[in-house]
Amino acid sequence: MKETAINWDNESKEVIISTSENHIKDKLDKLCLEFPEHYKFTNGDETYKNYICFSKKLIKFSKPRILSEEQKEIVINRFKSSRDKG
């Protein structure tokens, strides 16, 4: 089972992120390289990694994107087109 835990408290500006999800580890590794003032790898191995995010404002929970039927059709056509090329 893969999991990600995001922990913070009201007293601190830092957020602790622990994950075994490969796509999240990859994303956080890139963010650590590109924005070292905001993200830091703290420890881990190939299975599990831990990071610090220095601002709670960077952790976002958002509404789902709602597409109109026309927008859905455009997305489907783009997907089909890219699949046919590859």
PDB file of N, CA and C in Angstrom:
ATOM      1  N   MET A   1       0.843  -1.181   0.000  1.00  0.00           N
ATOM      2  CA  MET A   1       0.000   0.000   0.000  1.00  0.00           C
ATOM      3  C   MET A   1       0.890   1.247   0.000  1.00  0.00           C
ATOM      4  N   LYS A   2       0.558   2.188  -0.857  1.00  0.00           N
ATOM      5  CA  LYS A   2       1.264   3.465  -0.941  1.00  0.00           C
ATOM      6  C   LYS A   2       0.475   4.508  -0.173  1.00  0.00           C
ATOM      7  N   GLU A   3       1.205   5.428   0.470  1.00  0.00           N
ATOM      8  CA  GLU A   3       0.498   6.454   1.234  1.00  0.00           C
ATOM      9  C   GLU A   3       1.307   7.736   1.293  1.00  0.00           C
ATOM     10  N   THR A   4       0.617   8.821   1.587  1.00  0.00           N
ATOM     11  CA  THR A   4       1.232  10.129   1.798  1.00  0.00           C
ATOM     12  C   THR A   4       0.590  10.738   3.031  1.00  0.00           C
ATOM     13  N   ALA A   5       1.441  11.264   3.921  1.00  0.00           N
ATOM     14  CA  ALA A   5       0.947  11.941   5.123  1.00  0.00           C
ATOM     15  C   ALA A   5       1.453  13.372   5.102  1.00  0.00           C
ATOM     16  N   ILE A   6       0.556  14.311   5.380  1.00  0.00           N
ATOM     17  CA  ILE A   6       0.891  15.731   5.439  1.00  0.00           C
ATOM     18  C   ILE A   6       0.556  16.202   6.842  1.00  0.00           C
ATOM     19  N   ASN A   7       1.567  16.686   7.568  1.00  0.00           N
ATOM     20  CA  ASN A   7       1.369  17.079   8.969  1.00  0.00           C
ATOM     21  C   ASN A   7       1.808  18.512   9.204  1.00  0.00           C
ATOM     22  N   TRP A   8       0.980  19.258   9.925  1.00  0.00           N
ATOM     23  CA  TRP A   8       1.354  20.589  10.374  1.00  0.00           C
ATOM     24  C   TRP A   8       0.563  20.914  11.627  1.00  0.00           C
ATOM     25  N   ASP A   9       1.033  21.923  12.333  1.00  0.00           N
ATOM     26  CA  ASP A   9       0.272  22.395  13.481  1.00  0.00           C
ATOM     27  C   ASP A   9       0.166  23.910  13.397  1.00  0.00           C
ATOM     28  N   ASN A  10      -0.669  24.484  14.216  1.00  0.00           N
ATOM     29  CA  ASN A  10      -0.919  25.921  14.153  1.00  0.00           C
ATOM     30  C   ASN A  10       0.258  26.760  14.630  1.00  0.00           C
ATOM     31  N   GLU A  11       1.157  26.177  15.382  1.00  0.00           N
ATOM     32  CA  GLU A  11       2.294  26.915  15.941  1.00  0.00           C
ATOM     33  C   GLU A  11       3.451  27.067  14.959  1.00  0.00           C
ATOM     34  N   SER A  12       3.492  26.267  13.934  1.00  0.00           N
ATOM     35  CA  SER A  12       4.630  26.247  13.017  1.00  0.00           C
ATOM     36  C   SER A  12       4.204  26.639  11.608  1.00  0.00           C
ATOM     37  N   LYS A  13       5.120  27.211  10.852  1.00  0.00           N
ATOM     38  CA  LYS A  13       4.871  27.522   9.444  1.00  0.00           C
ATOM     39  C   LYS A  13       5.239  26.335   8.553  1.00  0.00           C
ATOM     40  N   GLU A  14       5.987  25.375   9.107  1.00  0.00           N
ATOM     41  CA  GLU A  14       6.472  24.241   8.325  1.00  0.00           C
ATOM     42  C   GLU A  14       5.430  23.137   8.207  1.00  0.00           C
ATOM     43  N   VAL A  15       5.498  22.432   7.098  1.00  0.00           N
ATOM     44  CA  VAL A  15       4.651  21.280   6.839  1.00  0.00           C
ATOM     45  C   VAL A  15       5.574  20.084   6.606  1.00  0.00           C
ATOM     46  N   ILE A  16       5.300  18.982   7.273  1.00  0.00           N
ATOM     47  CA  ILE A  16       6.078  17.764   7.094  1.00  0.00           C
ATOM     48  C   ILE A  16       5.307  16.850   6.151  1.00  0.00           C
ATOM     49  N   ILE A  17       5.974  16.400   5.096  1.00  0.00           N
ATOM     50  CA  ILE A  17       5.346  15.520   4.116  1.00  0.00           C
ATOM     51  C   ILE A  17       6.134  14.218   4.081  1.00  0.00           C
ATOM     52  N   SER A  18       5.451  13.111   4.305  1.00  0.00           N
ATOM     53  CA  SER A  18       6.053  11.777   4.235  1.00  0.00           C
ATOM     54  C   SER A  18       5.284  10.987   3.191  1.00  0.00           C
ATOM     55  N   THR A  19       6.010  10.361   2.257  1.00  0.00           N
ATOM     56  CA  THR A  19       5.304   9.679   1.182  1.00  0.00           C
ATOM     57  C   THR A  19       6.043   8.448   0.682  1.00  0.00           C
ATOM     58  N   SER A  20       5.269   7.482   0.234  1.00  0.00           N
ATOM     59  CA  SER A  20       5.802   6.318  -0.470  1.00  0.00           C
ATOM     60  C   SER A  20       5.288   6.293  -1.909  1.00  0.00           C
ATOM     61  N   GLU A  21       4.505   7.305  -2.284  1.00  0.00           N
ATOM     62  CA  GLU A  21       3.965   7.419  -3.648  1.00  0.00           C
ATOM     63  C   GLU A  21       5.048   7.918  -4.598  1.00  0.00           C
ATOM     64  N   ASN A  22       5.377   7.122  -5.611  1.00  0.00           N
ATOM     65  CA  ASN A  22       6.475   7.481  -6.523  1.00  0.00           C
ATOM     66  C   ASN A  22       6.254   8.806  -7.230  1.00  0.00           C
ATOM     67  N   HIS A  23       5.039   9.058  -7.736  1.00  0.00           N
ATOM     68  CA  HIS A  23       4.814  10.303  -8.476  1.00  0.00           C
ATOM     69  C   HIS A  23       4.907  11.521  -7.555  1.00  0.00           C
ATOM     70  N   ILE A  24       4.547  11.375  -6.296  1.00  0.00           N
ATOM     71  CA  ILE A  24       4.659  12.494  -5.353  1.00  0.00           C
ATOM     72  C   ILE A  24       6.122  12.698  -4.962  1.00  0.00           C
ATOM     73  N   LYS A  25       6.866  11.606  -4.773  1.00  0.00           N
ATOM     74  CA  LYS A  25       8.305  11.728  -4.488  1.00  0.00           C
ATOM     75  C   LYS A  25       9.015  12.437  -5.639  1.00  0.00           C
ATOM     76  N   ASP A  26       8.678  12.053  -6.874  1.00  0.00           N
ATOM     77  CA  ASP A  26       9.293  12.691  -8.046  1.00  0.00           C
ATOM     78  C   ASP A  26       8.974  14.182  -8.078  1.00  0.00           C
ATOM     79  N   LYS A  27       7.727  14.518  -7.838  1.00  0.00           N
ATOM     80  CA  LYS A  27       7.309  15.923  -7.864  1.00  0.00           C
ATOM     81  C   LYS A  27       8.020  16.720  -6.765  1.00  0.00           C
ATOM     82  N   LEU A  28       8.063  16.160  -5.553  1.00  0.00           N
ATOM     83  CA  LEU A  28       8.722  16.871  -4.453  1.00  0.00           C
ATOM     84  C   LEU A  28      10.226  16.967  -4.666  1.00  0.00           C
ATOM     85  N   ASP A  29      10.850  15.949  -5.239  1.00  0.00           N
ATOM     86  CA  ASP A  29      12.283  16.023  -5.552  1.00  0.00           C
ATOM     87  C   ASP A  29      12.567  17.185  -6.502  1.00  0.00           C
ATOM     88  N   LYS A  30      11.722  17.336  -7.516  1.00  0.00           N
ATOM     89  CA  LYS A  30      11.882  18.442  -8.465  1.00  0.00           C
ATOM     90  C   LYS A  30      11.669  19.796  -7.784  1.00  0.00           C
ATOM     91  N   LEU A  31      10.656  19.870  -6.925  1.00  0.00           N
ATOM     92  CA  LEU A  31      10.399  21.124  -6.210  1.00  0.00           C
ATOM     93  C   LEU A  31      11.573  21.477  -5.293  1.00  0.00           C
ATOM     94  N   CYS A  32      12.191  20.475  -4.664  1.00  0.00           N
ATOM     95  CA  CYS A  32      13.353  20.720  -3.799  1.00  0.00           C
ATOM     96  C   CYS A  32      14.509  21.311  -4.600  1.00  0.00           C
ATOM     97  N   LEU A  33      14.721  20.813  -5.806  1.00  0.00           N
ATOM     98  CA  LEU A  33      15.805  21.330  -6.654  1.00  0.00           C
ATOM     99  C   LEU A  33      15.491  22.727  -7.182  1.00  0.00           C
ATOM    100  N   GLU A  34      14.260  22.932  -7.606  1.00  0.00           N
ATOM    101  CA  GLU A  34      13.878  24.199  -8.224  1.00  0.00           C
ATOM    102  C   GLU A  34      13.609  25.311  -7.210  1.00  0.00           C
ATOM    103  N   PHE A  35      13.088  24.942  -6.041  1.00  0.00           N
ATOM    104  CA  PHE A  35      12.710  25.932  -5.029  1.00  0.00           C
ATOM    105  C   PHE A  35      13.230  25.539  -3.649  1.00  0.00           C
ATOM    106  N   PRO A  36      14.557  25.520  -3.474  1.00  0.00           N
ATOM    107  CA  PRO A  36      15.117  25.080  -2.185  1.00  0.00           C
ATOM    108  C   PRO A  36      14.743  25.979  -1.013  1.00  0.00           C
ATOM    109  N   GLU A  37      14.305  27.178  -1.289  1.00  0.00           N
ATOM    110  CA  GLU A  37      13.866  28.068  -0.219  1.00  0.00           C
ATOM    111  C   GLU A  37      12.480  27.680   0.300  1.00  0.00           C
ATOM    112  N   HIS A  38      11.771  26.820  -0.438  1.00  0.00           N
ATOM    113  CA  HIS A  38      10.414  26.418  -0.054  1.00  0.00           C
ATOM    114  C   HIS A  38      10.284  24.938   0.305  1.00  0.00           C
ATOM    115  N   TYR A  39      11.142  24.088  -0.272  1.00  0.00           N
ATOM    116  CA  TYR A  39      11.038  22.641  -0.072  1.00  0.00           C
ATOM    117  C   TYR A  39      12.405  22.063   0.256  1.00  0.00           C
ATOM    118  N   LYS A  40      12.421  21.078   1.153  1.00  0.00           N
ATOM    119  CA  LYS A  40      13.681  20.429   1.524  1.00  0.00           C
ATOM    120  C   LYS A  40      13.446  18.943   1.757  1.00  0.00           C
ATOM    121  N   PHE A  41      14.286  18.103   1.139  1.00  0.00           N
ATOM    122  CA  PHE A  41      14.293  16.671   1.428  1.00  0.00           C
ATOM    123  C   PHE A  41      15.004  16.491   2.758  1.00  0.00           C
ATOM    124  N   THR A  42      14.423  15.754   3.683  1.00  0.00           N
ATOM    125  CA  THR A  42      15.059  15.582   4.993  1.00  0.00           C
ATOM    126  C   THR A  42      15.708  14.221   5.153  1.00  0.00           C
ATOM    127  N   ASN A  43      15.007  13.162   4.795  1.00  0.00           N
ATOM    128  CA  ASN A  43      15.599  11.822   4.865  1.00  0.00           C
ATOM    129  C   ASN A  43      14.681  10.834   4.171  1.00  0.00           C
ATOM    130  N   GLY A  44      15.166   9.619   4.015  1.00  0.00           N
ATOM    131  CA  GLY A  44      14.357   8.575   3.405  1.00  0.00           C
ATOM    132  C   GLY A  44      15.187   7.615   2.599  1.00  0.00           C
ATOM    133  N   ASP A  45      14.499   6.720   1.950  1.00  0.00           N
ATOM    134  CA  ASP A  45      15.134   5.726   1.099  1.00  0.00           C
ATOM    135  C   ASP A  45      14.282   5.564  -0.152  1.00  0.00           C
ATOM    136  N   GLU A  46      14.508   4.488  -0.899  1.00  0.00           N
ATOM    137  CA  GLU A  46      13.738   4.314  -2.139  1.00  0.00           C
ATOM    138  C   GLU A  46      12.256   4.054  -1.882  1.00  0.00           C
ATOM    139  N   THR A  47      11.933   3.555  -0.699  1.00  0.00           N
ATOM    140  CA  THR A  47      10.542   3.237  -0.380  1.00  0.00           C
ATOM    141  C   THR A  47       9.790   4.439   0.170  1.00  0.00           C
ATOM    142  N   TYR A  48      10.394   5.148   1.096  1.00  0.00           N
ATOM    143  CA  TYR A  48       9.712   6.213   1.812  1.00  0.00           C
ATOM    144  C   TYR A  48      10.616   7.430   1.908  1.00  0.00           C
ATOM    145  N   LYS A  49      10.089   8.628   1.638  1.00  0.00           N
ATOM    146  CA  LYS A  49      10.873   9.861   1.735  1.00  0.00           C
ATOM    147  C   LYS A  49      10.124  10.890   2.566  1.00  0.00           C
ATOM    148  N   ASN A  50      10.886  11.743   3.228  1.00  0.00           N
ATOM    149  CA  ASN A  50      10.332  12.803   4.062  1.00  0.00           C
ATOM    150  C   ASN A  50      10.837  14.158   3.584  1.00  0.00           C
ATOM    151  N   TYR A  51       9.947  15.120   3.592  1.00  0.00           N
ATOM    152  CA  TYR A  51      10.246  16.469   3.112  1.00  0.00           C
ATOM    153  C   TYR A  51       9.691  17.493   4.096  1.00  0.00           C
ATOM    154  N   ILE A  52      10.236  18.707   4.000  1.00  0.00           N
ATOM    155  CA  ILE A  52       9.676  19.846   4.712  1.00  0.00           C
ATOM    156  C   ILE A  52       9.277  20.875   3.674  1.00  0.00           C
ATOM    157  N   CYS A  53       8.088  21.407   3.816  1.00  0.00           N
ATOM    158  CA  CYS A  53       7.628  22.552   3.034  1.00  0.00           C
ATOM    159  C   CYS A  53       7.583  23.712   4.021  1.00  0.00           C
ATOM    160  N   PHE A  54       8.243  24.799   3.697  1.00  0.00           N
ATOM    161  CA  PHE A  54       8.408  25.894   4.637  1.00  0.00           C
ATOM    162  C   PHE A  54       7.234  26.877   4.682  1.00  0.00           C
ATOM    163  N   SER A  55       6.165  26.594   3.940  1.00  0.00           N
ATOM    164  CA  SER A  55       4.995  27.480   3.956  1.00  0.00           C
ATOM    165  C   SER A  55       3.718  26.674   3.791  1.00  0.00           C
ATOM    166  N   LYS A  56       2.810  26.811   4.722  1.00  0.00           N
ATOM    167  CA  LYS A  56       1.507  26.145   4.624  1.00  0.00           C
ATOM    168  C   LYS A  56       0.729  26.622   3.402  1.00  0.00           C
ATOM    169  N   LYS A  57       1.027  27.834   2.948  1.00  0.00           N
ATOM    170  CA  LYS A  57       0.305  28.389   1.803  1.00  0.00           C
ATOM    171  C   LYS A  57       0.534  27.584   0.527  1.00  0.00           C
ATOM    172  N   LEU A  58       1.614  26.794   0.483  1.00  0.00           N
ATOM    173  CA  LEU A  58       1.911  26.000  -0.703  1.00  0.00           C
ATOM    174  C   LEU A  58       1.160  24.673  -0.733  1.00  0.00           C
ATOM    175  N   ILE A  59       0.521  24.321   0.374  1.00  0.00           N
ATOM    176  CA  ILE A  59      -0.295  23.109   0.422  1.00  0.00           C
ATOM    177  C   ILE A  59      -1.723  23.515   0.075  1.00  0.00           C
ATOM    178  N   LYS A  60      -2.253  22.951  -1.000  1.00  0.00           N
ATOM    179  CA  LYS A  60      -3.546  23.405  -1.500  1.00  0.00           C
ATOM    180  C   LYS A  60      -4.529  22.250  -1.621  1.00  0.00           C
ATOM    181  N   PHE A  61      -5.742  22.541  -1.272  1.00  0.00           N
ATOM    182  CA  PHE A  61      -6.871  21.652  -1.504  1.00  0.00           C
ATOM    183  C   PHE A  61      -7.839  22.456  -2.354  1.00  0.00           C
ATOM    184  N   SER A  62      -8.228  21.914  -3.490  1.00  0.00           N
ATOM    185  CA  SER A  62      -9.036  22.713  -4.397  1.00  0.00           C
ATOM    186  C   SER A  62     -10.325  21.999  -4.791  1.00  0.00           C
ATOM    187  N   LYS A  63     -11.224  22.791  -5.351  1.00  0.00           N
ATOM    188  CA  LYS A  63     -12.477  22.260  -5.865  1.00  0.00           C
ATOM    189  C   LYS A  63     -12.177  21.433  -7.115  1.00  0.00           C
ATOM    190  N   PRO A  64     -12.985  20.437  -7.396  1.00  0.00           N
ATOM    191  CA  PRO A  64     -12.802  19.691  -8.641  1.00  0.00           C
ATOM    192  C   PRO A  64     -13.113  20.580  -9.846  1.00  0.00           C
ATOM    193  N   ARG A  65     -12.421  20.326 -10.910  1.00  0.00           N
ATOM    194  CA  ARG A  65     -12.661  21.065 -12.146  1.00  0.00           C
ATOM    195  C   ARG A  65     -13.907  20.499 -12.817  1.00  0.00           C
ATOM    196  N   ILE A  66     -14.843  21.363 -13.152  1.00  0.00           N
ATOM    197  CA  ILE A  66     -16.074  20.931 -13.796  1.00  0.00           C
ATOM    198  C   ILE A  66     -16.045  21.400 -15.242  1.00  0.00           C
ATOM    199  N   LEU A  67     -16.092  20.435 -16.147  1.00  0.00           N
ATOM    200  CA  LEU A  67     -16.021  20.733 -17.574  1.00  0.00           C
ATOM    201  C   LEU A  67     -17.402  20.678 -18.206  1.00  0.00           C
ATOM    202  N   SER A  68     -17.622  21.580 -19.152  1.00  0.00           N
ATOM    203  CA  SER A  68     -18.845  21.524 -19.943  1.00  0.00           C
ATOM    204  C   SER A  68     -18.705  20.353 -20.922  1.00  0.00           C
ATOM    205  N   GLU A  69     -19.792  19.970 -21.550  1.00  0.00           N
ATOM    206  CA  GLU A  69     -19.737  18.883 -22.531  1.00  0.00           C
ATOM    207  C   GLU A  69     -18.784  19.238 -23.676  1.00  0.00           C
ATOM    208  N   GLU A  70     -18.786  20.493 -24.079  1.00  0.00           N
ATOM    209  CA  GLU A  70     -17.889  20.950 -25.150  1.00  0.00           C
ATOM    210  C   GLU A  70     -16.424  20.824 -24.718  1.00  0.00           C
ATOM    211  N   GLN A  71     -16.120  21.220 -23.498  1.00  0.00           N
ATOM    212  CA  GLN A  71     -14.754  21.111 -22.986  1.00  0.00           C
ATOM    213  C   GLN A  71     -14.332  19.656 -22.874  1.00  0.00           C
ATOM    214  N   LYS A  72     -15.245  18.780 -22.444  1.00  0.00           N
ATOM    215  CA  LYS A  72     -14.941  17.354 -22.358  1.00  0.00           C
ATOM    216  C   LYS A  72     -14.584  16.793 -23.733  1.00  0.00           C
ATOM    217  N   GLU A  73     -15.338  17.196 -24.721  1.00  0.00           N
ATOM    218  CA  GLU A  73     -15.096  16.724 -26.088  1.00  0.00           C
ATOM    219  C   GLU A  73     -13.720  17.173 -26.585  1.00  0.00           C
ATOM    220  N   ILE A  74     -13.343  18.398 -26.284  1.00  0.00           N
ATOM    221  CA  ILE A  74     -12.021  18.920 -26.681  1.00  0.00           C
ATOM    222  C   ILE A  74     -10.922  18.102 -26.025  1.00  0.00           C
ATOM    223  N   VAL A  75     -11.062  17.808 -24.744  1.00  0.00           N
ATOM    224  CA  VAL A  75     -10.057  17.017 -24.018  1.00  0.00           C
ATOM    225  C   VAL A  75      -9.956  15.614 -24.610  1.00  0.00           C
ATOM    226  N   ILE A  76     -11.096  14.990 -24.888  1.00  0.00           N
ATOM    227  CA  ILE A  76     -11.107  13.642 -25.472  1.00  0.00           C
ATOM    228  C   ILE A  76     -10.418  13.648 -26.830  1.00  0.00           C
ATOM    229  N   ASN A  77     -10.710  14.637 -27.655  1.00  0.00           N
ATOM    230  CA  ASN A  77     -10.086  14.724 -28.985  1.00  0.00           C
ATOM    231  C   ASN A  77      -8.586  14.942 -28.893  1.00  0.00           C
ATOM    232  N   ARG A  78      -8.141  15.772 -27.936  1.00  0.00           N
ATOM    233  CA  ARG A  78      -6.701  15.976 -27.731  1.00  0.00           C
ATOM    234  C   ARG A  78      -6.017  14.679 -27.328  1.00  0.00           C
ATOM    235  N   PHE A  79      -6.655  13.936 -26.424  1.00  0.00           N
ATOM    236  CA  PHE A  79      -6.103  12.668 -25.972  1.00  0.00           C
ATOM    237  C   PHE A  79      -5.991  11.690 -27.138  1.00  0.00           C
ATOM    238  N   LYS A  80      -7.070  11.570 -27.921  1.00  0.00           N
ATOM    239  CA  LYS A  80      -7.062  10.658 -29.067  1.00  0.00           C
ATOM    240  C   LYS A  80      -5.983  11.055 -30.069  1.00  0.00           C
ATOM    241  N   SER A  81      -5.845  12.363 -30.311  1.00  0.00           N
ATOM    242  CA  SER A  81      -4.862  12.856 -31.253  1.00  0.00           C
ATOM    243  C   SER A  81      -3.437  12.546 -30.788  1.00  0.00           C
ATOM    244  N   SER A  82      -3.151  12.760 -29.506  1.00  0.00           N
ATOM    245  CA  SER A  82      -1.800  12.508 -28.988  1.00  0.00           C
ATOM    246  C   SER A  82      -1.517  11.003 -28.966  1.00  0.00           C
ATOM    247  N   ARG A  83      -2.536  10.192 -28.712  1.00  0.00           N
ATOM    248  CA  ARG A  83      -2.371   8.735 -28.683  1.00  0.00           C
ATOM    249  C   ARG A  83      -2.080   8.203 -30.088  1.00  0.00           C
ATOM    250  N   ASP A  84      -2.741   8.788 -31.101  1.00  0.00           N
ATOM    251  CA  ASP A  84      -2.544   8.352 -32.482  1.00  0.00           C
ATOM    252  C   ASP A  84      -1.145   8.690 -32.985  1.00  0.00           C
ATOM    253  N   LYS A  85      -0.574   9.801 -32.499  1.00  0.00           N
ATOM    254  CA  LYS A  85       0.775  10.226 -32.909  1.00  0.00           C
ATOM    255  C   LYS A  85       1.846   9.342 -32.306  1.00  0.00           C
ATOM    256  N   GLY A  86       1.607   8.840 -31.087  1.00  0.00           N
ATOM    257  CA  GLY A  86       2.622   8.078 -30.350  1.00  0.00           C
ATOM    258  C   GLY A  86       2.516   6.648 -30.597  1.00  0.00           C
TER     259      GLY A  86
END
